[in-house]
Structures are given as structure tokens and as C-alpha cells.
Amino acid sequence: MTFLVYRCTADPDYFIITDPAHKDKVSADACPSKGELEEVGEFPEMGKERVAFNEAIAKDAIKNQGFYRIESKTFDPVAQAPGTMP
């Protein structure tokens, strides 16, 4: 399977994952605050090497509802400095 990954523009920590067969059925309605979907890329299956999401769960969700949504709380590239830093 090839995974198509999109990021929610209104909720940048949320990603929508689908496949080519369900691509036309996926919309920003899957995002918590709607907005738009920004294409991240197209990725082949990697098995257990995949770190970002569980492919078995994603494939099952895509089969049942057309997409898989994940939240990545560490996506923010400009996180706040800890209180102990100057």
C-alpha cells in the first residue's frame, strides 16, 4: 500500500493518512477545526521501521472510514524554551 499523508492547516499537529483509492473521499472535515489539507507526501509501507504511525491500524482505519487521523504533539519546530533557560 502507498500512504498519502496530509497535514491539517488549522491544526498543524494533526495528520490525515489515506491511500490512492480513497484520496478523493478525504476532506478537511476530518480535521478537528476543518481548515484545509496540505499535502505532505506519498510513502510506501515500511513495516516495523515506521516510527510515525502504526501501519496495521492505519490500513484498517482507511479500509473502514477512508482515512486515519493522528496527532503529533512534537511537530512544532519552534517549541517554547523551558522555564529554566535564560
PDB file of N, CA and C in Angstrom:
ATOM      1  N   MET A   1       0.844  -1.188   0.000  1.00  0.00           N
ATOM      2  CA  MET A   1       0.000   0.000   0.000  1.00  0.00           C
ATOM      3  C   MET A   1       0.880   1.239   0.000  1.00  0.00           C
ATOM      4  N   THR A   2       0.420   2.254  -0.666  1.00  0.00           N
ATOM      5  CA  THR A   2       1.054   3.572  -0.632  1.00  0.00           C
ATOM      6  C   THR A   2       0.208   4.472   0.252  1.00  0.00           C
ATOM      7  N   PHE A   3       0.850   5.135   1.197  1.00  0.00           N
ATOM      8  CA  PHE A   3       0.146   6.053   2.091  1.00  0.00           C
ATOM      9  C   PHE A   3       0.290   7.478   1.573  1.00  0.00           C
ATOM     10  N   LEU A   4      -0.822   8.199   1.519  1.00  0.00           N
ATOM     11  CA  LEU A   4      -0.827   9.617   1.174  1.00  0.00           C
ATOM     12  C   LEU A   4      -1.039  10.369   2.484  1.00  0.00           C
ATOM     13  N   VAL A   5      -0.123  11.269   2.810  1.00  0.00           N
ATOM     14  CA  VAL A   5      -0.168  11.964   4.096  1.00  0.00           C
ATOM     15  C   VAL A   5      -0.444  13.442   3.874  1.00  0.00           C
ATOM     16  N   TYR A   6      -1.400  13.961   4.648  1.00  0.00           N
ATOM     17  CA  TYR A   6      -1.782  15.373   4.600  1.00  0.00           C
ATOM     18  C   TYR A   6      -1.722  15.952   6.007  1.00  0.00           C
ATOM     19  N   ARG A   7      -1.444  17.238   6.104  1.00  0.00           N
ATOM     20  CA  ARG A   7      -1.447  17.943   7.380  1.00  0.00           C
ATOM     21  C   ARG A   7      -2.623  18.898   7.397  1.00  0.00           C
ATOM     22  N   CYS A   8      -3.277  19.010   8.536  1.00  0.00           N
ATOM     23  CA  CYS A   8      -4.399  19.944   8.702  1.00  0.00           C
ATOM     24  C   CYS A   8      -3.831  21.348   8.915  1.00  0.00           C
ATOM     25  N   THR A   9      -4.198  22.301   8.064  1.00  0.00           N
ATOM     26  CA  THR A   9      -3.634  23.649   8.187  1.00  0.00           C
ATOM     27  C   THR A   9      -4.109  24.378   9.434  1.00  0.00           C
ATOM     28  N   ALA A  10      -5.357  24.148   9.840  1.00  0.00           N
ATOM     29  CA  ALA A  10      -5.883  24.822  11.026  1.00  0.00           C
ATOM     30  C   ALA A  10      -5.420  24.145  12.315  1.00  0.00           C
ATOM     31  N   ASP A  11      -4.985  22.910  12.220  1.00  0.00           N
ATOM     32  CA  ASP A  11      -4.495  22.132  13.365  1.00  0.00           C
ATOM     33  C   ASP A  11      -3.207  21.436  12.926  1.00  0.00           C
ATOM     34  N   PRO A  12      -2.074  22.143  12.899  1.00  0.00           N
ATOM     35  CA  PRO A  12      -0.856  21.594  12.319  1.00  0.00           C
ATOM     36  C   PRO A  12      -0.290  20.352  12.993  1.00  0.00           C
ATOM     37  N   ASP A  13      -0.777  19.995  14.160  1.00  0.00           N
ATOM     38  CA  ASP A  13      -0.320  18.772  14.818  1.00  0.00           C
ATOM     39  C   ASP A  13      -1.110  17.545  14.379  1.00  0.00           C
ATOM     40  N   TYR A  14      -2.124  17.733  13.542  1.00  0.00           N
ATOM     41  CA  TYR A  14      -2.955  16.617  13.072  1.00  0.00           C
ATOM     42  C   TYR A  14      -2.617  16.276  11.622  1.00  0.00           C
ATOM     43  N   PHE A  15      -2.531  14.975  11.378  1.00  0.00           N
ATOM     44  CA  PHE A  15      -2.235  14.462  10.046  1.00  0.00           C
ATOM     45  C   PHE A  15      -3.318  13.485   9.629  1.00  0.00           C
ATOM     46  N   ILE A  16      -3.692  13.545   8.371  1.00  0.00           N
ATOM     47  CA  ILE A  16      -4.687  12.643   7.791  1.00  0.00           C
ATOM     48  C   ILE A  16      -3.934  11.735   6.819  1.00  0.00           C
ATOM     49  N   ILE A  17      -4.125  10.440   6.993  1.00  0.00           N
ATOM     50  CA  ILE A  17      -3.440   9.459   6.158  1.00  0.00           C
ATOM     51  C   ILE A  17      -4.492   8.662   5.401  1.00  0.00           C
ATOM     52  N   THR A  18      -4.277   8.496   4.111  1.00  0.00           N
ATOM     53  CA  THR A  18      -5.201   7.735   3.284  1.00  0.00           C
ATOM     54  C   THR A  18      -4.392   6.977   2.228  1.00  0.00           C
ATOM     55  N   ASP A  19      -5.076   6.436   1.244  1.00  0.00           N
ATOM     56  CA  ASP A  19      -4.405   5.743   0.145  1.00  0.00           C
ATOM     57  C   ASP A  19      -4.975   6.260  -1.175  1.00  0.00           C
ATOM     58  N   PRO A  20      -4.353   5.925  -2.300  1.00  0.00           N
ATOM     59  CA  PRO A  20      -4.842   6.439  -3.585  1.00  0.00           C
ATOM     60  C   PRO A  20      -6.309   6.107  -3.877  1.00  0.00           C
ATOM     61  N   ALA A  21      -6.784   4.956  -3.427  1.00  0.00           N
ATOM     62  CA  ALA A  21      -8.167   4.555  -3.698  1.00  0.00           C
ATOM     63  C   ALA A  21      -9.186   5.421  -2.955  1.00  0.00           C
ATOM     64  N   HIS A  22      -8.789   6.022  -1.830  1.00  0.00           N
ATOM     65  CA  HIS A  22      -9.709   6.833  -1.018  1.00  0.00           C
ATOM     66  C   HIS A  22      -9.392   8.328  -1.065  1.00  0.00           C
ATOM     67  N   LYS A  23      -8.397   8.702  -1.834  1.00  0.00           N
ATOM     68  CA  LYS A  23      -7.930  10.095  -1.873  1.00  0.00           C
ATOM     69  C   LYS A  23      -9.043  11.104  -2.149  1.00  0.00           C
ATOM     70  N   ASP A  24      -9.904  10.819  -3.099  1.00  0.00           N
ATOM     71  CA  ASP A  24     -10.953  11.768  -3.488  1.00  0.00           C
ATOM     72  C   ASP A  24     -12.061  11.893  -2.450  1.00  0.00           C
ATOM     73  N   LYS A  25     -12.115  10.977  -1.513  1.00  0.00           N
ATOM     74  CA  LYS A  25     -13.162  10.997  -0.487  1.00  0.00           C
ATOM     75  C   LYS A  25     -12.720  11.721   0.782  1.00  0.00           C
ATOM     76  N   VAL A  26     -11.439  12.046   0.885  1.00  0.00           N
ATOM     77  CA  VAL A  26     -10.899  12.686   2.090  1.00  0.00           C
ATOM     78  C   VAL A  26     -10.981  14.198   1.945  1.00  0.00           C
ATOM     79  N   SER A  27     -11.441  14.851   3.017  1.00  0.00           N
ATOM     80  CA  SER A  27     -11.518  16.317   3.011  1.00  0.00           C
ATOM     81  C   SER A  27     -11.064  16.848   4.365  1.00  0.00           C
ATOM     82  N   ALA A  28     -10.972  18.156   4.467  1.00  0.00           N
ATOM     83  CA  ALA A  28     -10.564  18.796   5.718  1.00  0.00           C
ATOM     84  C   ALA A  28     -11.608  18.607   6.820  1.00  0.00           C
ATOM     85  N   ASP A  29     -12.764  18.056   6.492  1.00  0.00           N
ATOM     86  CA  ASP A  29     -13.751  17.751   7.523  1.00  0.00           C
ATOM     87  C   ASP A  29     -13.197  16.750   8.537  1.00  0.00           C
ATOM     88  N   ALA A  30     -12.168  16.001   8.158  1.00  0.00           N
ATOM     89  CA  ALA A  30     -11.540  15.043   9.064  1.00  0.00           C
ATOM     90  C   ALA A  30     -10.663  15.740  10.104  1.00  0.00           C
ATOM     91  N   CYS A  31     -10.355  17.013   9.882  1.00  0.00           N
ATOM     92  CA  CYS A  31      -9.537  17.787  10.818  1.00  0.00           C
ATOM     93  C   CYS A  31     -10.418  18.361  11.925  1.00  0.00           C
ATOM     94  N   PRO A  32      -9.903  18.474  13.149  1.00  0.00           N
ATOM     95  CA  PRO A  32     -10.710  19.000  14.259  1.00  0.00           C
ATOM     96  C   PRO A  32     -11.305  20.389  14.002  1.00  0.00           C
ATOM     97  N   SER A  33     -10.524  21.300  13.416  1.00  0.00           N
ATOM     98  CA  SER A  33     -11.001  22.665  13.166  1.00  0.00           C
ATOM     99  C   SER A  33     -11.241  22.943  11.688  1.00  0.00           C
ATOM    100  N   LYS A  34     -11.404  21.893  10.906  1.00  0.00           N
ATOM    101  CA  LYS A  34     -11.616  21.980   9.454  1.00  0.00           C
ATOM    102  C   LYS A  34     -10.385  22.596   8.791  1.00  0.00           C
ATOM    103  N   GLY A  35     -10.459  23.783   8.229  1.00  0.00           N
ATOM    104  CA  GLY A  35      -9.316  24.372   7.514  1.00  0.00           C
ATOM    105  C   GLY A  35      -9.127  23.704   6.180  1.00  0.00           C
ATOM    106  N   GLU A  36      -7.888  23.445   5.817  1.00  0.00           N
ATOM    107  CA  GLU A  36      -7.558  22.802   4.553  1.00  0.00           C
ATOM    108  C   GLU A  36      -6.554  21.693   4.801  1.00  0.00           C
ATOM    109  N   LEU A  37      -6.384  20.840   3.803  1.00  0.00           N
ATOM    110  CA  LEU A  37      -5.382  19.785   3.880  1.00  0.00           C
ATOM    111  C   LEU A  37      -4.169  20.192   3.046  1.00  0.00           C
ATOM    112  N   GLU A  38      -3.006  20.089   3.640  1.00  0.00           N
ATOM    113  CA  GLU A  38      -1.750  20.395   2.960  1.00  0.00           C
ATOM    114  C   GLU A  38      -1.031  19.068   2.703  1.00  0.00           C
ATOM    115  N   GLU A  39      -0.691  18.811   1.461  1.00  0.00           N
ATOM    116  CA  GLU A  39      -0.034  17.543   1.121  1.00  0.00           C
ATOM    117  C   GLU A  39       1.375  17.489   1.706  1.00  0.00           C
ATOM    118  N   VAL A  40       1.657  16.411   2.423  1.00  0.00           N
ATOM    119  CA  VAL A  40       2.988  16.202   2.992  1.00  0.00           C
ATOM    120  C   VAL A  40       3.807  15.304   2.076  1.00  0.00           C
ATOM    121  N   GLY A  41       3.190  14.222   1.605  1.00  0.00           N
ATOM    122  CA  GLY A  41       3.918  13.332   0.712  1.00  0.00           C
ATOM    123  C   GLY A  41       3.255  11.990   0.530  1.00  0.00           C
ATOM    124  N   GLU A  42       3.908  11.176  -0.258  1.00  0.00           N
ATOM    125  CA  GLU A  42       3.437   9.833  -0.588  1.00  0.00           C
ATOM    126  C   GLU A  42       4.514   8.859  -0.128  1.00  0.00           C
ATOM    127  N   PHE A  43       4.124   7.856   0.680  1.00  0.00           N
ATOM    128  CA  PHE A  43       5.107   6.981   1.279  1.00  0.00           C
ATOM    129  C   PHE A  43       4.707   5.511   1.155  1.00  0.00           C
ATOM    130  N   PRO A  44       5.666   4.645   0.821  1.00  0.00           N
ATOM    131  CA  PRO A  44       5.371   3.218   0.749  1.00  0.00           C
ATOM    132  C   PRO A  44       5.340   2.621   2.163  1.00  0.00           C
ATOM    133  N   GLU A  45       4.794   1.433   2.270  1.00  0.00           N
ATOM    134  CA  GLU A  45       4.824   0.733   3.553  1.00  0.00           C
ATOM    135  C   GLU A  45       6.273   0.478   3.945  1.00  0.00           C
ATOM    136  N   MET A  46       6.548   0.572   5.239  1.00  0.00           N
ATOM    137  CA  MET A  46       7.891   0.333   5.740  1.00  0.00           C
ATOM    138  C   MET A  46       7.911  -0.749   6.819  1.00  0.00           C
ATOM    139  N   GLY A  47       6.747  -1.269   7.182  1.00  0.00           N
ATOM    140  CA  GLY A  47       6.701  -2.285   8.224  1.00  0.00           C
ATOM    141  C   GLY A  47       7.051  -1.728   9.584  1.00  0.00           C
ATOM    142  N   LYS A  48       7.788  -2.493  10.344  1.00  0.00           N
ATOM    143  CA  LYS A  48       8.113  -2.104  11.726  1.00  0.00           C
ATOM    144  C   LYS A  48       9.080  -0.939  11.810  1.00  0.00           C
ATOM    145  N   GLU A  49       9.716  -0.580  10.703  1.00  0.00           N
ATOM    146  CA  GLU A  49      10.637   0.556  10.710  1.00  0.00           C
ATOM    147  C   GLU A  49       9.909   1.893  10.840  1.00  0.00           C
ATOM    148  N   ARG A  50       8.628   1.919  10.504  1.00  0.00           N
ATOM    149  CA  ARG A  50       7.851   3.156  10.548  1.00  0.00           C
ATOM    150  C   ARG A  50       7.742   3.639  11.988  1.00  0.00           C
ATOM    151  N   VAL A  51       8.051   4.891  12.218  1.00  0.00           N
ATOM    152  CA  VAL A  51       8.004   5.453  13.557  1.00  0.00           C
ATOM    153  C   VAL A  51       6.759   6.306  13.761  1.00  0.00           C
ATOM    154  N   ALA A  52       6.307   6.994  12.745  1.00  0.00           N
ATOM    155  CA  ALA A  52       5.245   7.989  12.893  1.00  0.00           C
ATOM    156  C   ALA A  52       3.877   7.407  13.216  1.00  0.00           C
ATOM    157  N   PHE A  53       3.544   6.238  12.664  1.00  0.00           N
ATOM    158  CA  PHE A  53       2.227   5.653  12.928  1.00  0.00           C
ATOM    159  C   PHE A  53       2.272   4.148  12.704  1.00  0.00           C
ATOM    160  N   ASN A  54       1.304   3.462  13.281  1.00  0.00           N
ATOM    161  CA  ASN A  54       1.186   2.015  13.141  1.00  0.00           C
ATOM    162  C   ASN A  54       0.481   1.720  11.822  1.00  0.00           C
ATOM    163  N   GLU A  55       1.186   1.100  10.898  1.00  0.00           N
ATOM    164  CA  GLU A  55       0.627   0.860   9.568  1.00  0.00           C
ATOM    165  C   GLU A  55      -0.577  -0.069   9.594  1.00  0.00           C
ATOM    166  N   ALA A  56      -0.576  -1.069  10.475  1.00  0.00           N
ATOM    167  CA  ALA A  56      -1.704  -2.001  10.544  1.00  0.00           C
ATOM    168  C   ALA A  56      -2.973  -1.277  10.970  1.00  0.00           C
ATOM    169  N   ILE A  57      -2.863  -0.405  11.962  1.00  0.00           N
ATOM    170  CA  ILE A  57      -4.021   0.375  12.425  1.00  0.00           C
ATOM    171  C   ILE A  57      -4.462   1.335  11.331  1.00  0.00           C
ATOM    172  N   ALA A  58      -3.500   1.980  10.661  1.00  0.00           N
ATOM    173  CA  ALA A  58      -3.822   2.921   9.582  1.00  0.00           C
ATOM    174  C   ALA A  58      -4.553   2.216   8.448  1.00  0.00           C
ATOM    175  N   LYS A  59      -4.067   1.056   8.030  1.00  0.00           N
ATOM    176  CA  LYS A  59      -4.699   0.317   6.937  1.00  0.00           C
ATOM    177  C   LYS A  59      -6.128  -0.084   7.298  1.00  0.00           C
ATOM    178  N   ASP A  60      -6.335  -0.497   8.538  1.00  0.00           N
ATOM    179  CA  ASP A  60      -7.671  -0.874   8.978  1.00  0.00           C
ATOM    180  C   ASP A  60      -8.610   0.336   8.983  1.00  0.00           C
ATOM    181  N   ALA A  61      -8.136   1.476   9.491  1.00  0.00           N
ATOM    182  CA  ALA A  61      -8.953   2.694   9.518  1.00  0.00           C
ATOM    183  C   ALA A  61      -9.273   3.175   8.107  1.00  0.00           C
ATOM    184  N   ILE A  62      -8.300   3.115   7.210  1.00  0.00           N
ATOM    185  CA  ILE A  62      -8.528   3.535   5.817  1.00  0.00           C
ATOM    186  C   ILE A  62      -9.568   2.632   5.172  1.00  0.00           C
ATOM    187  N   LYS A  63      -9.462   1.350   5.428  1.00  0.00           N
ATOM    188  CA  LYS A  63     -10.431   0.398   4.873  1.00  0.00           C
ATOM    189  C   LYS A  63     -11.843   0.690   5.376  1.00  0.00           C
ATOM    190  N   ASN A  64     -11.982   1.023   6.680  1.00  0.00           N
ATOM    191  CA  ASN A  64     -13.296   1.223   7.292  1.00  0.00           C
ATOM    192  C   ASN A  64     -13.885   2.622   7.106  1.00  0.00           C
ATOM    193  N   GLN A  65     -13.037   3.664   7.131  1.00  0.00           N
ATOM    194  CA  GLN A  65     -13.599   5.020   7.048  1.00  0.00           C
ATOM    195  C   GLN A  65     -12.940   5.889   5.986  1.00  0.00           C
ATOM    196  N   GLY A  66     -11.944   5.359   5.279  1.00  0.00           N
ATOM    197  CA  GLY A  66     -11.324   6.106   4.194  1.00  0.00           C
ATOM    198  C   GLY A  66     -10.104   6.918   4.579  1.00  0.00           C
ATOM    199  N   PHE A  67      -9.820   7.036   5.882  1.00  0.00           N
ATOM    200  CA  PHE A  67      -8.649   7.792   6.337  1.00  0.00           C
ATOM    201  C   PHE A  67      -8.270   7.364   7.750  1.00  0.00           C
ATOM    202  N   TYR A  68      -7.086   7.766   8.145  1.00  0.00           N
ATOM    203  CA  TYR A  68      -6.592   7.561   9.507  1.00  0.00           C
ATOM    204  C   TYR A  68      -6.066   8.904   9.975  1.00  0.00           C
ATOM    205  N   ARG A  69      -6.465   9.351  11.157  1.00  0.00           N
ATOM    206  CA  ARG A  69      -6.025  10.648  11.679  1.00  0.00           C
ATOM    207  C   ARG A  69      -5.134  10.426  12.887  1.00  0.00           C
ATOM    208  N   ILE A  70      -3.979  11.100  12.878  1.00  0.00           N
ATOM    209  CA  ILE A  70      -3.080  11.027  14.025  1.00  0.00           C
ATOM    210  C   ILE A  70      -2.736  12.440  14.494  1.00  0.00           C
ATOM    211  N   GLU A  71      -2.331  12.523  15.746  1.00  0.00           N
ATOM    212  CA  GLU A  71      -1.888  13.797  16.310  1.00  0.00           C
ATOM    213  C   GLU A  71      -0.427  13.657  16.698  1.00  0.00           C
ATOM    214  N   SER A  72       0.383  14.613  16.308  1.00  0.00           N
ATOM    215  CA  SER A  72       1.803  14.618  16.626  1.00  0.00           C
ATOM    216  C   SER A  72       2.086  15.848  17.465  1.00  0.00           C
ATOM    217  N   LYS A  73       2.147  15.679  18.763  1.00  0.00           N
ATOM    218  CA  LYS A  73       2.348  16.824  19.641  1.00  0.00           C
ATOM    219  C   LYS A  73       3.759  17.399  19.559  1.00  0.00           C
ATOM    220  N   THR A  74       4.666  16.701  18.921  1.00  0.00           N
ATOM    221  CA  THR A  74       6.044  17.177  18.828  1.00  0.00           C
ATOM    222  C   THR A  74       6.358  17.799  17.476  1.00  0.00           C
ATOM    223  N   PHE A  75       5.364  18.057  16.642  1.00  0.00           N
ATOM    224  CA  PHE A  75       5.608  18.589  15.303  1.00  0.00           C
ATOM    225  C   PHE A  75       6.084  20.033  15.325  1.00  0.00           C
ATOM    226  N   ASP A  76       5.684  20.815  16.333  1.00  0.00           N
ATOM    227  CA  ASP A  76       6.014  22.233  16.391  1.00  0.00           C
ATOM    228  C   ASP A  76       7.528  22.439  16.366  1.00  0.00           C
ATOM    229  N   PRO A  77       8.080  23.011  15.283  1.00  0.00           N
ATOM    230  CA  PRO A  77       9.534  23.172  15.193  1.00  0.00           C
ATOM    231  C   PRO A  77      10.076  24.292  16.076  1.00  0.00           C
ATOM    232  N   VAL A  78       9.205  25.145  16.611  1.00  0.00           N
ATOM    233  CA  VAL A  78       9.654  26.257  17.451  1.00  0.00           C
ATOM    234  C   VAL A  78       8.963  26.142  18.809  1.00  0.00           C
ATOM    235  N   ALA A  79       9.314  25.109  19.514  1.00  0.00           N
ATOM    236  CA  ALA A  79       8.722  24.904  20.829  1.00  0.00           C
ATOM    237  C   ALA A  79       9.221  25.957  21.790  1.00  0.00           C
ATOM    238  N   GLN A  80       8.448  26.215  22.833  1.00  0.00           N
ATOM    239  CA  GLN A  80       8.848  27.199  23.825  1.00  0.00           C
ATOM    240  C   GLN A  80      10.040  26.690  24.609  1.00  0.00           C
ATOM    241  N   ALA A  81      10.917  27.587  24.981  1.00  0.00           N
ATOM    242  CA  ALA A  81      12.071  27.218  25.806  1.00  0.00           C
ATOM    243  C   ALA A  81      11.597  26.874  27.211  1.00  0.00           C
ATOM    244  N   PRO A  82      12.234  25.912  27.856  1.00  0.00           N
ATOM    245  CA  PRO A  82      11.873  25.582  29.233  1.00  0.00           C
ATOM    246  C   PRO A  82      12.062  26.785  30.144  1.00  0.00           C
ATOM    247  N   GLY A  83      11.337  26.824  31.237  1.00  0.00           N
ATOM    248  CA  GLY A  83      11.400  27.954  32.165  1.00  0.00           C
ATOM    249  C   GLY A  83      12.772  28.167  32.778  1.00  0.00           C
ATOM    250  N   THR A  84      13.611  27.156  32.785  1.00  0.00           N
ATOM    251  CA  THR A  84      14.928  27.296  33.398  1.00  0.00           C
ATOM    252  C   THR A  84      15.968  27.879  32.452  1.00  0.00           C
ATOM    253  N   MET A  85      15.611  28.034  31.186  1.00  0.00           N
ATOM    254  CA  MET A  85      16.575  28.586  30.229  1.00  0.00           C
ATOM    255  C   MET A  85      16.492  30.112  30.235  1.00  0.00           C
ATOM    256  N   PRO A  86      17.619  30.761  30.017  1.00  0.00           N
ATOM    257  CA  PRO A  86      17.622  32.238  30.021  1.00  0.00           C
ATOM    258  C   PRO A  86      16.862  32.844  28.875  1.00  0.00           C
TER     259      PRO A  86
END
